[in-house]
Amino acid sequence: MTNPEAESFAELIADCADIPAALRTRGQDLPGQRAASPWEVDDATFAQVSNLEEFV
């Protein structure tokens, strides 16, 4: 089954309104955002860009 593209915002809104309520309601809440790990640069990574200014 293929759905044609909506040609106007009104048609898009009408298409979205046709989505069953079971698919529009929230299920379980998503887990909270985790803190990012701190960045660490090892010697191998630093070596890849140590002479970068020569190429720029």
PDB file of N, CA and C in Angstrom:
ATOM      1  N   MET A   1       0.851  -1.177   0.000  1.00  0.00           N
ATOM      2  CA  MET A   1       0.000   0.000   0.000  1.00  0.00           C
ATOM      3  C   MET A   1       0.887   1.227   0.000  1.00  0.00           C
ATOM      4  N   THR A   2       0.595   2.154  -0.870  1.00  0.00           N
ATOM      5  CA  THR A   2       1.348   3.395  -0.906  1.00  0.00           C
ATOM      6  C   THR A   2       0.417   4.554  -0.632  1.00  0.00           C
ATOM      7  N   ASN A   3       0.947   5.560   0.025  1.00  0.00           N
ATOM      8  CA  ASN A   3       0.169   6.758   0.319  1.00  0.00           C
ATOM      9  C   ASN A   3       0.716   7.898  -0.522  1.00  0.00           C
ATOM     10  N   PRO A   4      -0.128   8.579  -1.257  1.00  0.00           N
ATOM     11  CA  PRO A   4       0.362   9.712  -2.029  1.00  0.00           C
ATOM     12  C   PRO A   4       0.766  10.853  -1.098  1.00  0.00           C
ATOM     13  N   GLU A   5       1.679  11.666  -1.558  1.00  0.00           N
ATOM     14  CA  GLU A   5       2.119  12.816  -0.778  1.00  0.00           C
ATOM     15  C   GLU A   5       0.973  13.816  -0.634  1.00  0.00           C
ATOM     16  N   ALA A   6       0.884  14.435   0.527  1.00  0.00           N
ATOM     17  CA  ALA A   6      -0.122  15.485   0.743  1.00  0.00           C
ATOM     18  C   ALA A   6       0.265  16.700  -0.098  1.00  0.00           C
ATOM     19  N   GLU A   7      -0.715  17.333  -0.687  1.00  0.00           N
ATOM     20  CA  GLU A   7      -0.448  18.487  -1.544  1.00  0.00           C
ATOM     21  C   GLU A   7      -0.707  19.811  -0.846  1.00  0.00           C
ATOM     22  N   SER A   8      -1.214  19.763   0.393  1.00  0.00           N
ATOM     23  CA  SER A   8      -1.440  20.992   1.154  1.00  0.00           C
ATOM     24  C   SER A   8      -1.340  20.656   2.641  1.00  0.00           C
ATOM     25  N   PHE A   9      -1.187  21.691   3.459  1.00  0.00           N
ATOM     26  CA  PHE A   9      -1.145  21.478   4.898  1.00  0.00           C
ATOM     27  C   PHE A   9      -2.479  20.932   5.399  1.00  0.00           C
ATOM     28  N   ALA A  10      -3.563  21.393   4.840  1.00  0.00           N
ATOM     29  CA  ALA A  10      -4.880  20.912   5.258  1.00  0.00           C
ATOM     30  C   ALA A  10      -5.006  19.413   5.009  1.00  0.00           C
ATOM     31  N   GLU A  11      -4.521  18.963   3.863  1.00  0.00           N
ATOM     32  CA  GLU A  11      -4.582  17.539   3.550  1.00  0.00           C
ATOM     33  C   GLU A  11      -3.659  16.748   4.484  1.00  0.00           C
ATOM     34  N   LEU A  12      -2.498  17.295   4.810  1.00  0.00           N
ATOM     35  CA  LEU A  12      -1.581  16.640   5.731  1.00  0.00           C
ATOM     36  C   LEU A  12      -2.195  16.522   7.121  1.00  0.00           C
ATOM     37  N   ILE A  13      -2.829  17.588   7.588  1.00  0.00           N
ATOM     38  CA  ILE A  13      -3.489  17.564   8.897  1.00  0.00           C
ATOM     39  C   ILE A  13      -4.619  16.540   8.902  1.00  0.00           C
ATOM     40  N   ALA A  14      -5.377  16.488   7.835  1.00  0.00           N
ATOM     41  CA  ALA A  14      -6.470  15.510   7.745  1.00  0.00           C
ATOM     42  C   ALA A  14      -5.918  14.088   7.757  1.00  0.00           C
ATOM     43  N   ASP A  15      -4.802  13.874   7.050  1.00  0.00           N
ATOM     44  CA  ASP A  15      -4.192  12.539   7.048  1.00  0.00           C
ATOM     45  C   ASP A  15      -3.726  12.166   8.446  1.00  0.00           C
ATOM     46  N   CYS A  16      -3.135  13.108   9.159  1.00  0.00           N
ATOM     47  CA  CYS A  16      -2.651  12.833  10.516  1.00  0.00           C
ATOM     48  C   CYS A  16      -3.814  12.572  11.468  1.00  0.00           C
ATOM     49  N   ALA A  17      -4.925  13.236  11.249  1.00  0.00           N
ATOM     50  CA  ALA A  17      -6.097  13.034  12.102  1.00  0.00           C
ATOM     51  C   ALA A  17      -6.671  11.634  11.923  1.00  0.00           C
ATOM     52  N   ASP A  18      -6.388  11.008  10.791  1.00  0.00           N
ATOM     53  CA  ASP A  18      -6.885   9.654  10.525  1.00  0.00           C
ATOM     54  C   ASP A  18      -6.040   8.570  11.194  1.00  0.00           C
ATOM     55  N   ILE A  19      -4.920   8.935  11.802  1.00  0.00           N
ATOM     56  CA  ILE A  19      -4.073   7.947  12.480  1.00  0.00           C
ATOM     57  C   ILE A  19      -4.821   7.458  13.709  1.00  0.00           C
ATOM     58  N   PRO A  20      -4.924   6.153  13.897  1.00  0.00           N
ATOM     59  CA  PRO A  20      -5.667   5.623  15.050  1.00  0.00           C
ATOM     60  C   PRO A  20      -5.106   6.138  16.376  1.00  0.00           C
ATOM     61  N   ALA A  21      -5.988   6.351  17.339  1.00  0.00           N
ATOM     62  CA  ALA A  21      -5.593   6.887  18.643  1.00  0.00           C
ATOM     63  C   ALA A  21      -4.574   5.995  19.333  1.00  0.00           C
ATOM     64  N   ALA A  22      -4.661   4.689  19.126  1.00  0.00           N
ATOM     65  CA  ALA A  22      -3.721   3.765  19.763  1.00  0.00           C
ATOM     66  C   ALA A  22      -2.287   4.041  19.321  1.00  0.00           C
ATOM     67  N   LEU A  23      -2.116   4.577  18.129  1.00  0.00           N
ATOM     68  CA  LEU A  23      -0.779   4.888  17.638  1.00  0.00           C
ATOM     69  C   LEU A  23      -0.328   6.285  18.038  1.00  0.00           C
ATOM     70  N   ARG A  24      -1.259   7.134  18.440  1.00  0.00           N
ATOM     71  CA  ARG A  24      -0.911   8.513  18.792  1.00  0.00           C
ATOM     72  C   ARG A  24      -0.692   8.717  20.282  1.00  0.00           C
ATOM     73  N   THR A  25      -1.169   7.789  21.109  1.00  0.00           N
ATOM     74  CA  THR A  25      -1.025   7.966  22.549  1.00  0.00           C
ATOM     75  C   THR A  25       0.352   7.517  22.986  1.00  0.00           C
ATOM     76  N   ARG A  26       0.797   8.094  24.064  1.00  0.00           N
ATOM     77  CA  ARG A  26       2.118   7.765  24.581  1.00  0.00           C
ATOM     78  C   ARG A  26       2.056   6.436  25.323  1.00  0.00           C
ATOM     79  N   GLY A  27       3.068   5.650  25.109  1.00  0.00           N
ATOM     80  CA  GLY A  27       3.203   4.408  25.861  1.00  0.00           C
ATOM     81  C   GLY A  27       4.042   4.705  27.087  1.00  0.00           C
ATOM     82  N   GLN A  28       5.053   3.933  27.280  1.00  0.00           N
ATOM     83  CA  GLN A  28       5.947   4.163  28.397  1.00  0.00           C
ATOM     84  C   GLN A  28       6.742   5.446  28.163  1.00  0.00           C
ATOM     85  N   ASP A  29       7.049   6.118  29.269  1.00  0.00           N
ATOM     86  CA  ASP A  29       7.882   7.306  29.161  1.00  0.00           C
ATOM     87  C   ASP A  29       9.299   6.903  28.778  1.00  0.00           C
ATOM     88  N   LEU A  30       9.943   7.759  28.018  1.00  0.00           N
ATOM     89  CA  LEU A  30      11.323   7.505  27.646  1.00  0.00           C
ATOM     90  C   LEU A  30      12.227   7.750  28.845  1.00  0.00           C
ATOM     91  N   PRO A  31      13.336   7.056  28.916  1.00  0.00           N
ATOM     92  CA  PRO A  31      14.246   7.298  30.042  1.00  0.00           C
ATOM     93  C   PRO A  31      14.831   8.701  29.953  1.00  0.00           C
ATOM     94  N   GLY A  32      15.244   9.218  31.097  1.00  0.00           N
ATOM     95  CA  GLY A  32      15.815  10.563  31.128  1.00  0.00           C
ATOM     96  C   GLY A  32      17.147  10.621  30.405  1.00  0.00           C
ATOM     97  N   GLN A  33      17.553  11.830  30.091  1.00  0.00           N
ATOM     98  CA  GLN A  33      18.799  12.029  29.380  1.00  0.00           C
ATOM     99  C   GLN A  33      19.979  11.759  30.311  1.00  0.00           C
ATOM    100  N   ARG A  34      20.969  11.055  29.802  1.00  0.00           N
ATOM    101  CA  ARG A  34      22.161  10.746  30.605  1.00  0.00           C
ATOM    102  C   ARG A  34      23.215  11.821  30.393  1.00  0.00           C
ATOM    103  N   ALA A  35      24.050  12.003  31.396  1.00  0.00           N
ATOM    104  CA  ALA A  35      25.159  12.951  31.275  1.00  0.00           C
ATOM    105  C   ALA A  35      26.185  12.383  30.294  1.00  0.00           C
ATOM    106  N   ALA A  36      26.756  13.255  29.497  1.00  0.00           N
ATOM    107  CA  ALA A  36      27.761  12.830  28.531  1.00  0.00           C
ATOM    108  C   ALA A  36      29.071  12.511  29.245  1.00  0.00           C
ATOM    109  N   SER A  37      29.763  11.532  28.724  1.00  0.00           N
ATOM    110  CA  SER A  37      31.073  11.203  29.276  1.00  0.00           C
ATOM    111  C   SER A  37      32.066  12.295  28.899  1.00  0.00           C
ATOM    112  N   PRO A  38      33.018  12.590  29.766  1.00  0.00           N
ATOM    113  CA  PRO A  38      34.011  13.612  29.410  1.00  0.00           C
ATOM    114  C   PRO A  38      34.875  13.133  28.249  1.00  0.00           C
ATOM    115  N   TRP A  39      35.316  14.091  27.440  1.00  0.00           N
ATOM    116  CA  TRP A  39      36.157  13.768  26.300  1.00  0.00           C
ATOM    117  C   TRP A  39      37.549  13.431  26.773  1.00  0.00           C
ATOM    118  N   GLU A  40      38.128  12.449  26.137  1.00  0.00           N
ATOM    119  CA  GLU A  40      39.515  12.097  26.395  1.00  0.00           C
ATOM    120  C   GLU A  40      40.200  11.898  25.054  1.00  0.00           C
ATOM    121  N   VAL A  41      41.359  12.503  24.906  1.00  0.00           N
ATOM    122  CA  VAL A  41      42.120  12.372  23.671  1.00  0.00           C
ATOM    123  C   VAL A  41      43.364  11.565  23.987  1.00  0.00           C
ATOM    124  N   ASP A  42      43.494  10.428  23.313  1.00  0.00           N
ATOM    125  CA  ASP A  42      44.690   9.619  23.551  1.00  0.00           C
ATOM    126  C   ASP A  42      45.782  10.020  22.559  1.00  0.00           C
ATOM    127  N   ASP A  43      46.958   9.470  22.726  1.00  0.00           N
ATOM    128  CA  ASP A  43      48.102   9.837  21.883  1.00  0.00           C
ATOM    129  C   ASP A  43      47.868   9.499  20.417  1.00  0.00           C
ATOM    130  N   ALA A  44      47.209   8.390  20.136  1.00  0.00           N
ATOM    131  CA  ALA A  44      46.949   8.000  18.747  1.00  0.00           C
ATOM    132  C   ALA A  44      46.029   9.004  18.056  1.00  0.00           C
ATOM    133  N   THR A  45      45.013   9.461  18.760  1.00  0.00           N
ATOM    134  CA  THR A  45      44.098  10.452  18.190  1.00  0.00           C
ATOM    135  C   THR A  45      44.813  11.777  17.977  1.00  0.00           C
ATOM    136  N   PHE A  46      45.601  12.191  18.933  1.00  0.00           N
ATOM    137  CA  PHE A  46      46.346  13.443  18.811  1.00  0.00           C
ATOM    138  C   PHE A  46      47.321  13.373  17.647  1.00  0.00           C
ATOM    139  N   ALA A  47      47.950  12.234  17.432  1.00  0.00           N
ATOM    140  CA  ALA A  47      48.914  12.083  16.346  1.00  0.00           C
ATOM    141  C   ALA A  47      48.255  12.260  14.974  1.00  0.00           C
ATOM    142  N   GLN A  48      46.975  11.935  14.860  1.00  0.00           N
ATOM    143  CA  GLN A  48      46.282  12.072  13.573  1.00  0.00           C
ATOM    144  C   GLN A  48      46.122  13.524  13.161  1.00  0.00           C
ATOM    145  N   VAL A  49      46.089  14.432  14.118  1.00  0.00           N
ATOM    146  CA  VAL A  49      45.861  15.843  13.798  1.00  0.00           C
ATOM    147  C   VAL A  49      47.014  16.743  14.206  1.00  0.00           C
ATOM    148  N   SER A  50      48.130  16.175  14.644  1.00  0.00           N
ATOM    149  CA  SER A  50      49.231  16.993  15.169  1.00  0.00           C
ATOM    150  C   SER A  50      49.802  17.921  14.118  1.00  0.00           C
ATOM    151  N   ASN A  51      49.830  17.516  12.863  1.00  0.00           N
ATOM    152  CA  ASN A  51      50.388  18.363  11.806  1.00  0.00           C
ATOM    153  C   ASN A  51      49.310  18.898  10.871  1.00  0.00           C
ATOM    154  N   LEU A  52      48.117  19.007  11.360  1.00  0.00           N
ATOM    155  CA  LEU A  52      46.988  19.428  10.525  1.00  0.00           C
ATOM    156  C   LEU A  52      47.188  20.809   9.940  1.00  0.00           C
ATOM    157  N   GLU A  53      47.816  21.732  10.694  1.00  0.00           N
ATOM    158  CA  GLU A  53      47.985  23.094  10.194  1.00  0.00           C
ATOM    159  C   GLU A  53      48.816  23.136   8.901  1.00  0.00           C
ATOM    160  N   GLU A  54      49.625  22.114   8.630  1.00  0.00           N
ATOM    161  CA  GLU A  54      50.397  22.067   7.382  1.00  0.00           C
ATOM    162  C   GLU A  54      49.497  21.863   6.179  1.00  0.00           C
ATOM    163  N   PHE A  55      48.331  21.258   6.372  1.00  0.00           N
ATOM    164  CA  PHE A  55      47.438  20.957   5.263  1.00  0.00           C
ATOM    165  C   PHE A  55      46.354  22.012   5.079  1.00  0.00           C
ATOM    166  N   VAL A  56      46.194  22.881   6.031  1.00  0.00           N
ATOM    167  CA  VAL A  56      45.115  23.866   5.943  1.00  0.00           C
ATOM    168  C   VAL A  56      45.576  25.106   5.241  1.00  0.00           C
TER     169      VAL A  56
END
